[in-house]
Amino acid sequence: PFFKRRSFFTPYADELRRTDGTAARILYDYVKQETNYPVDLLLAALLQRQPLDALARELHWQYVLPDAAPVEPAPELAAQGLALLRLPISEVEKADSVTAWYTREAARRADEALAQAAALFAKEPMLGVLSPAVPLWPAARQSRDADWQAARPALQGKVNVPLGQDPPPAPACGWALVRLAAVADGDTLPAITAPEDAWLLPLKAQQNGFFSASFTTAAQSAAAADQLALHYQQAADPKAVAKQFGRLVKHKLKK
């Protein structure tokens, strides 16, 4: 049997035209669990040659944590080679009020998710950076995309990995849990003082052979699935497309 390594980074829109979008992840799990092929060595090689955002979409490097997690003792992060990084609050306040609220709320609840997040690092030895996913709020997604495009030129010469057009999984919502071996220079953690520093975290981990991921709650994950279904439904309805186009023109004219 054989498979194409391109399966792990093919354009995701092409994947959705042919499958339900999970084919690459199913392939990865099958090869890893049912064969003796060193698929993680292939993944390490791809991390050096392919944009992180493409790999993250195809392999679904997004985890789902329970909505109401049981209270657990704070994990000994240093003993596990992990560290908690918080984004500077000054950057949070630059966002629109709704995005800023989501970010502050995620930062406030960081300690509640630490035990489960640390457990993911124990399960996934190639995981380097984990952070809350950007909320579905449209302005939050647009702000993240704009920040990436603004930071991308300056990042080109700072890391030796390819940068995609779309943003990679990166700390954009309050905090991140990181594996020291993936991002630290010796025992020194990188300073996070500006958005560009946050983008460097997953890229540096990628350069060192680690991937980055985000996580959502079960409710957020269900909402994303419902949103996708709604988009498909509206895309097939000319009236809905025309209405959405009218709203877009109105908002552009107001600006």
C-alpha atoms as a PDB file:
ATOM      1  CA  PRO A   1       0.000   0.000   0.000  1.00  0.00           C
ATOM      2  CA  PHE A   2       1.108   3.585  -0.573  1.00  0.00           C
ATOM      3  CA  PHE A   3      -0.156   7.083   0.080  1.00  0.00           C
ATOM      4  CA  LYS A   4       0.810  10.558  -1.081  1.00  0.00           C
ATOM      5  CA  ARG A   5       2.546  12.712   1.493  1.00  0.00           C
ATOM      6  CA  ARG A   6       0.647  15.598  -0.124  1.00  0.00           C
ATOM      7  CA  SER A   7      -2.429  14.198   1.601  1.00  0.00           C
ATOM      8  CA  PHE A   8      -1.211  15.992   4.739  1.00  0.00           C
ATOM      9  CA  PHE A   9      -0.991  19.484   3.210  1.00  0.00           C
ATOM     10  CA  THR A  10      -3.241  19.552   0.139  1.00  0.00           C
ATOM     11  CA  PRO A  11      -5.423  22.708  -0.166  1.00  0.00           C
ATOM     12  CA  TYR A  12      -8.274  22.172   2.260  1.00  0.00           C
ATOM     13  CA  ALA A  13     -10.893  23.543  -0.142  1.00  0.00           C
ATOM     14  CA  ASP A  14     -10.000  20.700  -2.527  1.00  0.00           C
ATOM     15  CA  GLU A  15     -10.344  18.253   0.348  1.00  0.00           C
ATOM     16  CA  LEU A  16     -13.834  19.503   1.162  1.00  0.00           C
ATOM     17  CA  ARG A  17     -14.931  19.142  -2.460  1.00  0.00           C
ATOM     18  CA  ARG A  18     -14.106  15.430  -2.344  1.00  0.00           C
ATOM     19  CA  THR A  19     -14.529  14.326   1.280  1.00  0.00           C
ATOM     20  CA  ASP A  20     -15.948  15.431   4.614  1.00  0.00           C
ATOM     21  CA  GLY A  21     -12.551  16.977   5.456  1.00  0.00           C
ATOM     22  CA  THR A  22     -11.268  14.248   7.791  1.00  0.00           C
ATOM     23  CA  ALA A  23      -9.498  12.003   5.272  1.00  0.00           C
ATOM     24  CA  ALA A  24      -5.965  13.162   6.076  1.00  0.00           C
ATOM     25  CA  ARG A  25      -6.455  12.746   9.814  1.00  0.00           C
ATOM     26  CA  ILE A  26      -7.967   9.287   9.363  1.00  0.00           C
ATOM     27  CA  LEU A  27      -4.994   8.349   7.170  1.00  0.00           C
ATOM     28  CA  TYR A  28      -2.489   9.641   9.753  1.00  0.00           C
ATOM     29  CA  ASP A  29      -4.151   7.744  12.607  1.00  0.00           C
ATOM     30  CA  TYR A  30      -4.345   4.552  10.547  1.00  0.00           C
ATOM     31  CA  VAL A  31      -0.698   4.653   9.476  1.00  0.00           C
ATOM     32  CA  LYS A  32       0.458   5.469  13.015  1.00  0.00           C
ATOM     33  CA  GLN A  33      -1.656   2.851  14.808  1.00  0.00           C
ATOM     34  CA  GLU A  34      -1.910   0.007  12.297  1.00  0.00           C
ATOM     35  CA  THR A  35       1.465  -0.001  10.503  1.00  0.00           C
ATOM     36  CA  ASN A  36       5.144   0.276  11.338  1.00  0.00           C
ATOM     37  CA  TYR A  37       5.711   3.165   8.930  1.00  0.00           C
ATOM     38  CA  PRO A  38       7.493   6.042  10.788  1.00  0.00           C
ATOM     39  CA  VAL A  39       4.819   8.590   9.945  1.00  0.00           C
ATOM     40  CA  ASP A  40       6.028  11.036  12.603  1.00  0.00           C
ATOM     41  CA  LEU A  41       9.411  11.228  10.854  1.00  0.00           C
ATOM     42  CA  LEU A  42       7.523  12.173   7.698  1.00  0.00           C
ATOM     43  CA  LEU A  43       5.590  14.765   9.694  1.00  0.00           C
ATOM     44  CA  ALA A  44       8.843  16.199  11.080  1.00  0.00           C
ATOM     45  CA  ALA A  45      10.165  16.544   7.530  1.00  0.00           C
ATOM     46  CA  LEU A  46       6.962  18.196   6.312  1.00  0.00           C
ATOM     47  CA  LEU A  47       7.145  20.735   9.131  1.00  0.00           C
ATOM     48  CA  GLN A  48      10.395  21.993   7.633  1.00  0.00           C
ATOM     49  CA  ARG A  49       9.002  22.253   4.100  1.00  0.00           C
ATOM     50  CA  GLN A  50       5.294  23.126   4.282  1.00  0.00           C
ATOM     51  CA  PRO A  51       3.373  26.070   5.791  1.00  0.00           C
ATOM     52  CA  LEU A  52       2.084  25.303   9.261  1.00  0.00           C
ATOM     53  CA  ASP A  53      -1.439  26.483   8.472  1.00  0.00           C
ATOM     54  CA  ALA A  54      -1.857  23.871   5.698  1.00  0.00           C
ATOM     55  CA  LEU A  55      -0.709  20.998   7.911  1.00  0.00           C
ATOM     56  CA  ALA A  56      -2.841  22.223  10.822  1.00  0.00           C
ATOM     57  CA  ARG A  57      -6.017  22.254   8.724  1.00  0.00           C
ATOM     58  CA  GLU A  58      -5.495  18.858   7.099  1.00  0.00           C
ATOM     59  CA  LEU A  59      -4.469  17.090  10.317  1.00  0.00           C
ATOM     60  CA  HIS A  60      -6.986  18.978  12.473  1.00  0.00           C
ATOM     61  CA  TRP A  61      -4.590  20.230  15.093  1.00  0.00           C
ATOM     62  CA  GLN A  62      -7.470  21.555  17.147  1.00  0.00           C
ATOM     63  CA  TYR A  63      -8.599  19.842  20.301  1.00  0.00           C
ATOM     64  CA  VAL A  64     -11.916  19.894  22.138  1.00  0.00           C
ATOM     65  CA  LEU A  65     -11.932  20.292  25.912  1.00  0.00           C
ATOM     66  CA  PRO A  66     -15.031  19.769  28.073  1.00  0.00           C
ATOM     67  CA  ASP A  67     -17.241  22.787  28.668  1.00  0.00           C
ATOM     68  CA  ALA A  68     -17.352  22.220  32.412  1.00  0.00           C
ATOM     69  CA  ALA A  69     -14.047  20.614  33.300  1.00  0.00           C
ATOM     70  CA  PRO A  70     -13.696  19.116  36.802  1.00  0.00           C
ATOM     71  CA  VAL A  71     -11.564  21.167  39.153  1.00  0.00           C
ATOM     72  CA  GLU A  72      -8.106  19.624  39.224  1.00  0.00           C
ATOM     73  CA  PRO A  73      -4.913  20.537  41.087  1.00  0.00           C
ATOM     74  CA  ALA A  74      -2.632  22.846  39.123  1.00  0.00           C
ATOM     75  CA  PRO A  75      -0.129  20.708  37.212  1.00  0.00           C
ATOM     76  CA  GLU A  76       3.602  20.949  37.869  1.00  0.00           C
ATOM     77  CA  LEU A  77       4.370  22.556  34.546  1.00  0.00           C
ATOM     78  CA  ALA A  78       8.134  22.908  35.005  1.00  0.00           C
ATOM     79  CA  ALA A  79       8.457  19.225  35.874  1.00  0.00           C
ATOM     80  CA  GLN A  80       6.783  18.386  32.559  1.00  0.00           C
ATOM     81  CA  GLY A  81       8.981  20.773  30.585  1.00  0.00           C
ATOM     82  CA  LEU A  82       6.069  23.191  30.050  1.00  0.00           C
ATOM     83  CA  ALA A  83       5.447  26.871  30.730  1.00  0.00           C
ATOM     84  CA  LEU A  84       2.432  29.177  30.695  1.00  0.00           C
ATOM     85  CA  LEU A  85       2.756  32.384  28.672  1.00  0.00           C
ATOM     86  CA  ARG A  86       0.211  35.193  28.907  1.00  0.00           C
ATOM     87  CA  LEU A  87      -0.276  37.816  26.200  1.00  0.00           C
ATOM     88  CA  PRO A  88       0.177  41.457  27.262  1.00  0.00           C
ATOM     89  CA  ILE A  89      -3.143  43.032  28.175  1.00  0.00           C
ATOM     90  CA  SER A  90      -2.255  46.184  26.195  1.00  0.00           C
ATOM     91  CA  GLU A  91      -2.568  44.203  22.971  1.00  0.00           C
ATOM     92  CA  VAL A  92      -5.946  42.827  24.031  1.00  0.00           C
ATOM     93  CA  GLU A  93      -7.388  46.290  24.523  1.00  0.00           C
ATOM     94  CA  LYS A  94      -6.529  47.293  20.939  1.00  0.00           C
ATOM     95  CA  ALA A  95      -9.152  44.872  19.628  1.00  0.00           C
ATOM     96  CA  ASP A  96     -12.846  45.671  19.227  1.00  0.00           C
ATOM     97  CA  SER A  97     -14.846  45.413  22.441  1.00  0.00           C
ATOM     98  CA  VAL A  98     -16.314  41.957  21.728  1.00  0.00           C
ATOM     99  CA  THR A  99     -12.975  40.416  20.733  1.00  0.00           C
ATOM    100  CA  ALA A 100     -11.342  42.000  23.782  1.00  0.00           C
ATOM    101  CA  TRP A 101     -14.030  40.478  26.012  1.00  0.00           C
ATOM    102  CA  TYR A 102     -13.496  36.994  24.556  1.00  0.00           C
ATOM    103  CA  THR A 103      -9.740  37.333  25.011  1.00  0.00           C
ATOM    104  CA  ARG A 104      -9.981  38.540  28.610  1.00  0.00           C
ATOM    105  CA  GLU A 105     -12.414  35.713  29.385  1.00  0.00           C
ATOM    106  CA  ALA A 106     -10.046  33.124  27.904  1.00  0.00           C
ATOM    107  CA  ALA A 107      -7.158  34.566  29.913  1.00  0.00           C
ATOM    108  CA  ARG A 108      -9.254  34.528  33.094  1.00  0.00           C
ATOM    109  CA  ARG A 109     -10.054  30.842  32.634  1.00  0.00           C
ATOM    110  CA  ALA A 110      -6.516  29.751  31.757  1.00  0.00           C
ATOM    111  CA  ASP A 111      -5.909  28.047  35.094  1.00  0.00           C
ATOM    112  CA  GLU A 112      -9.081  25.960  34.676  1.00  0.00           C
ATOM    113  CA  ALA A 113      -7.767  24.440  31.447  1.00  0.00           C
ATOM    114  CA  LEU A 114      -4.151  23.886  32.455  1.00  0.00           C
ATOM    115  CA  ALA A 115      -4.481  20.295  33.687  1.00  0.00           C
ATOM    116  CA  GLN A 116      -6.263  19.145  30.533  1.00  0.00           C
ATOM    117  CA  ALA A 117      -3.916  21.133  28.314  1.00  0.00           C
ATOM    118  CA  ALA A 118      -0.857  19.630  30.007  1.00  0.00           C
ATOM    119  CA  ALA A 119      -2.320  16.160  29.484  1.00  0.00           C
ATOM    120  CA  LEU A 120      -2.421  16.830  25.725  1.00  0.00           C
ATOM    121  CA  PHE A 121       1.320  17.528  25.750  1.00  0.00           C
ATOM    122  CA  ALA A 122       1.933  14.180  27.453  1.00  0.00           C
ATOM    123  CA  LYS A 123      -0.187  12.449  24.806  1.00  0.00           C
ATOM    124  CA  GLU A 124       1.317  14.326  21.821  1.00  0.00           C
ATOM    125  CA  PRO A 125       5.134  14.442  22.051  1.00  0.00           C
ATOM    126  CA  MET A 126       5.363  16.627  18.918  1.00  0.00           C
ATOM    127  CA  LEU A 127       3.000  19.300  20.304  1.00  0.00           C
ATOM    128  CA  GLY A 128       4.948  22.503  20.930  1.00  0.00           C
ATOM    129  CA  VAL A 129       2.390  25.305  21.464  1.00  0.00           C
ATOM    130  CA  LEU A 130      -1.255  25.132  22.542  1.00  0.00           C
ATOM    131  CA  SER A 131      -3.628  28.079  22.939  1.00  0.00           C
ATOM    132  CA  PRO A 132      -7.372  28.852  22.931  1.00  0.00           C
ATOM    133  CA  ALA A 133      -8.875  29.097  19.463  1.00  0.00           C
ATOM    134  CA  VAL A 134      -9.975  32.459  18.128  1.00  0.00           C
ATOM    135  CA  PRO A 135     -13.748  32.771  18.729  1.00  0.00           C
ATOM    136  CA  LEU A 136     -16.270  32.593  15.896  1.00  0.00           C
ATOM    137  CA  TRP A 137     -16.986  36.311  16.247  1.00  0.00           C
ATOM    138  CA  PRO A 138     -16.302  37.612  12.674  1.00  0.00           C
ATOM    139  CA  ALA A 139     -14.341  40.669  13.801  1.00  0.00           C
ATOM    140  CA  ALA A 140     -12.003  38.439  15.816  1.00  0.00           C
ATOM    141  CA  ARG A 141     -11.233  36.282  12.776  1.00  0.00           C
ATOM    142  CA  GLN A 142     -10.786  39.332  10.552  1.00  0.00           C
ATOM    143  CA  SER A 143      -8.482  40.971  13.085  1.00  0.00           C
ATOM    144  CA  ARG A 144      -6.344  37.830  13.338  1.00  0.00           C
ATOM    145  CA  ASP A 145      -6.059  37.564   9.548  1.00  0.00           C
ATOM    146  CA  ALA A 146      -5.138  41.250   9.219  1.00  0.00           C
ATOM    147  CA  ASP A 147      -2.527  40.985  11.983  1.00  0.00           C
ATOM    148  CA  TRP A 148      -0.946  37.997  10.242  1.00  0.00           C
ATOM    149  CA  GLN A 149      -0.723  39.766   6.896  1.00  0.00           C
ATOM    150  CA  ALA A 150       0.824  42.804   8.597  1.00  0.00           C
ATOM    151  CA  ALA A 151       3.390  40.733  10.520  1.00  0.00           C
ATOM    152  CA  ARG A 152       4.231  38.256   7.746  1.00  0.00           C
ATOM    153  CA  PRO A 153       6.869  40.317   5.856  1.00  0.00           C
ATOM    154  CA  ALA A 154       8.875  40.973   9.024  1.00  0.00           C
ATOM    155  CA  LEU A 155       8.711  37.304  10.021  1.00  0.00           C
ATOM    156  CA  GLN A 156      10.136  36.023   6.725  1.00  0.00           C
ATOM    157  CA  GLY A 157      13.767  36.442   7.732  1.00  0.00           C
ATOM    158  CA  LYS A 158      13.396  35.405  11.371  1.00  0.00           C
ATOM    159  CA  VAL A 159      12.564  31.732  10.868  1.00  0.00           C
ATOM    160  CA  ASN A 160      13.688  29.120   8.385  1.00  0.00           C
ATOM    161  CA  VAL A 161      10.260  27.667   7.566  1.00  0.00           C
ATOM    162  CA  PRO A 162       7.782  28.570   4.801  1.00  0.00           C
ATOM    163  CA  LEU A 163       5.000  30.986   5.727  1.00  0.00           C
ATOM    164  CA  GLY A 164       1.522  30.436   4.314  1.00  0.00           C
ATOM    165  CA  GLN A 165      -0.977  33.055   3.252  1.00  0.00           C
ATOM    166  CA  ASP A 166      -3.315  32.027   6.077  1.00  0.00           C
ATOM    167  CA  PRO A 167      -2.337  32.439   9.740  1.00  0.00           C
ATOM    168  CA  PRO A 168      -0.975  29.415  11.631  1.00  0.00           C
ATOM    169  CA  PRO A 169      -2.308  28.347  15.049  1.00  0.00           C
ATOM    170  CA  ALA A 170      -0.880  31.023  17.322  1.00  0.00           C
ATOM    171  CA  PRO A 171      -1.578  32.614  20.704  1.00  0.00           C
ATOM    172  CA  ALA A 172      -4.268  35.142  19.875  1.00  0.00           C
ATOM    173  CA  CYS A 173      -6.676  34.691  22.728  1.00  0.00           C
ATOM    174  CA  GLY A 174      -5.052  35.494  26.047  1.00  0.00           C
ATOM    175  CA  TRP A 175      -2.460  32.790  26.722  1.00  0.00           C
ATOM    176  CA  ALA A 176      -0.539  29.761  25.533  1.00  0.00           C
ATOM    177  CA  LEU A 177       0.958  26.642  27.052  1.00  0.00           C
ATOM    178  CA  VAL A 178       4.342  25.871  25.498  1.00  0.00           C
ATOM    179  CA  ARG A 179       6.868  23.052  25.533  1.00  0.00           C
ATOM    180  CA  LEU A 180      10.190  24.574  26.554  1.00  0.00           C
ATOM    181  CA  ALA A 181      12.148  22.320  24.192  1.00  0.00           C
ATOM    182  CA  ALA A 182      10.139  23.710  21.284  1.00  0.00           C
ATOM    183  CA  VAL A 183      10.469  27.454  21.860  1.00  0.00           C
ATOM    184  CA  ALA A 184      13.043  28.272  24.563  1.00  0.00           C
ATOM    185  CA  ASP A 185      16.682  29.234  24.108  1.00  0.00           C
ATOM    186  CA  GLY A 186      18.116  27.041  26.818  1.00  0.00           C
ATOM    187  CA  ASP A 187      16.094  27.904  29.908  1.00  0.00           C
ATOM    188  CA  THR A 188      15.072  31.339  28.618  1.00  0.00           C
ATOM    189  CA  LEU A 189      11.516  31.755  27.386  1.00  0.00           C
ATOM    190  CA  PRO A 190      10.870  34.178  24.536  1.00  0.00           C
ATOM    191  CA  ALA A 191       9.429  37.506  25.629  1.00  0.00           C
ATOM    192  CA  ILE A 192       5.902  38.236  24.395  1.00  0.00           C
ATOM    193  CA  THR A 193       5.621  42.003  24.183  1.00  0.00           C
ATOM    194  CA  ALA A 194       3.975  42.486  20.768  1.00  0.00           C
ATOM    195  CA  PRO A 195       1.758  40.547  18.328  1.00  0.00           C
ATOM    196  CA  GLU A 196       4.800  39.698  16.205  1.00  0.00           C
ATOM    197  CA  ASP A 197       6.325  37.842  19.177  1.00  0.00           C
ATOM    198  CA  ALA A 198       3.186  35.723  19.501  1.00  0.00           C
ATOM    199  CA  TRP A 199       3.354  34.760  15.807  1.00  0.00           C
ATOM    200  CA  LEU A 200       6.986  33.736  16.257  1.00  0.00           C
ATOM    201  CA  LEU A 201       6.103  31.142  18.901  1.00  0.00           C
ATOM    202  CA  PRO A 202       4.484  28.519  16.618  1.00  0.00           C
ATOM    203  CA  LEU A 203       6.957  29.270  13.806  1.00  0.00           C
ATOM    204  CA  LYS A 204       9.927  28.720  16.094  1.00  0.00           C
ATOM    205  CA  ALA A 205       8.366  25.506  17.373  1.00  0.00           C
ATOM    206  CA  GLN A 206       7.823  24.406  13.764  1.00  0.00           C
ATOM    207  CA  GLN A 207      11.470  25.134  12.960  1.00  0.00           C
ATOM    208  CA  ASN A 208      12.440  22.928  15.900  1.00  0.00           C
ATOM    209  CA  GLY A 209      10.244  20.042  14.690  1.00  0.00           C
ATOM    210  CA  PHE A 210       7.081  20.645  16.752  1.00  0.00           C
ATOM    211  CA  PHE A 211       3.555  21.506  15.683  1.00  0.00           C
ATOM    212  CA  SER A 212       1.167  24.013  17.238  1.00  0.00           C
ATOM    213  CA  ALA A 213      -2.520  23.613  17.940  1.00  0.00           C
ATOM    214  CA  SER A 214      -5.537  25.373  19.398  1.00  0.00           C
ATOM    215  CA  PHE A 215      -8.426  24.135  21.475  1.00  0.00           C
ATOM    216  CA  THR A 216     -12.112  24.902  21.836  1.00  0.00           C
ATOM    217  CA  THR A 217     -14.846  23.849  24.209  1.00  0.00           C
ATOM    218  CA  ALA A 218     -17.434  21.314  23.084  1.00  0.00           C
ATOM    219  CA  ALA A 219     -20.006  24.113  22.709  1.00  0.00           C
ATOM    220  CA  GLN A 220     -17.644  26.186  20.529  1.00  0.00           C
ATOM    221  CA  SER A 221     -16.898  23.156  18.362  1.00  0.00           C
ATOM    222  CA  ALA A 222     -20.614  22.445  17.876  1.00  0.00           C
ATOM    223  CA  ALA A 223     -21.217  26.108  17.012  1.00  0.00           C
ATOM    224  CA  ALA A 224     -18.478  25.962  14.354  1.00  0.00           C
ATOM    225  CA  ALA A 225     -20.108  22.903  12.778  1.00  0.00           C
ATOM    226  CA  ASP A 226     -23.503  24.631  12.794  1.00  0.00           C
ATOM    227  CA  GLN A 227     -21.968  27.739  11.239  1.00  0.00           C
ATOM    228  CA  LEU A 228     -20.405  25.691   8.435  1.00  0.00           C
ATOM    229  CA  ALA A 229     -23.709  23.962   7.732  1.00  0.00           C
ATOM    230  CA  LEU A 230     -25.456  27.343   7.606  1.00  0.00           C
ATOM    231  CA  HIS A 231     -22.865  28.690   5.148  1.00  0.00           C
ATOM    232  CA  TYR A 232     -23.366  25.704   2.845  1.00  0.00           C
ATOM    233  CA  GLN A 233     -27.126  26.169   3.007  1.00  0.00           C
ATOM    234  CA  GLN A 234     -26.943  29.903   2.276  1.00  0.00           C
ATOM    235  CA  ALA A 235     -24.402  29.435  -0.522  1.00  0.00           C
ATOM    236  CA  ALA A 236     -26.942  27.304  -2.375  1.00  0.00           C
ATOM    237  CA  ASP A 237     -29.707  29.917  -1.999  1.00  0.00           C
ATOM    238  CA  PRO A 238     -29.452  32.872  -4.442  1.00  0.00           C
ATOM    239  CA  LYS A 239     -31.647  35.046  -2.210  1.00  0.00           C
ATOM    240  CA  ALA A 240     -29.390  34.449   0.794  1.00  0.00           C
ATOM    241  CA  VAL A 241     -26.287  35.210  -1.291  1.00  0.00           C
ATOM    242  CA  ALA A 242     -27.813  38.457  -2.559  1.00  0.00           C
ATOM    243  CA  LYS A 243     -28.836  39.474   0.966  1.00  0.00           C
ATOM    244  CA  GLN A 244     -25.352  38.803   2.328  1.00  0.00           C
ATOM    245  CA  PHE A 245     -23.808  40.745  -0.554  1.00  0.00           C
ATOM    246  CA  GLY A 246     -26.127  43.671   0.197  1.00  0.00           C
ATOM    247  CA  ARG A 247     -25.053  43.657   3.859  1.00  0.00           C
ATOM    248  CA  LEU A 248     -21.382  43.607   2.836  1.00  0.00           C
ATOM    249  CA  VAL A 249     -21.841  46.596   0.506  1.00  0.00           C
ATOM    250  CA  LYS A 250     -23.734  48.501   3.199  1.00  0.00           C
ATOM    251  CA  HIS A 251     -21.021  47.983   5.802  1.00  0.00           C
ATOM    252  CA  LYS A 252     -18.285  48.929   3.314  1.00  0.00           C
ATOM    253  CA  LEU A 253     -20.120  52.134   2.423  1.00  0.00           C
ATOM    254  CA  LYS A 254     -20.561  53.017   6.102  1.00  0.00           C
ATOM    255  CA  LYS A 255     -16.812  52.678   6.605  1.00  0.00           C
END
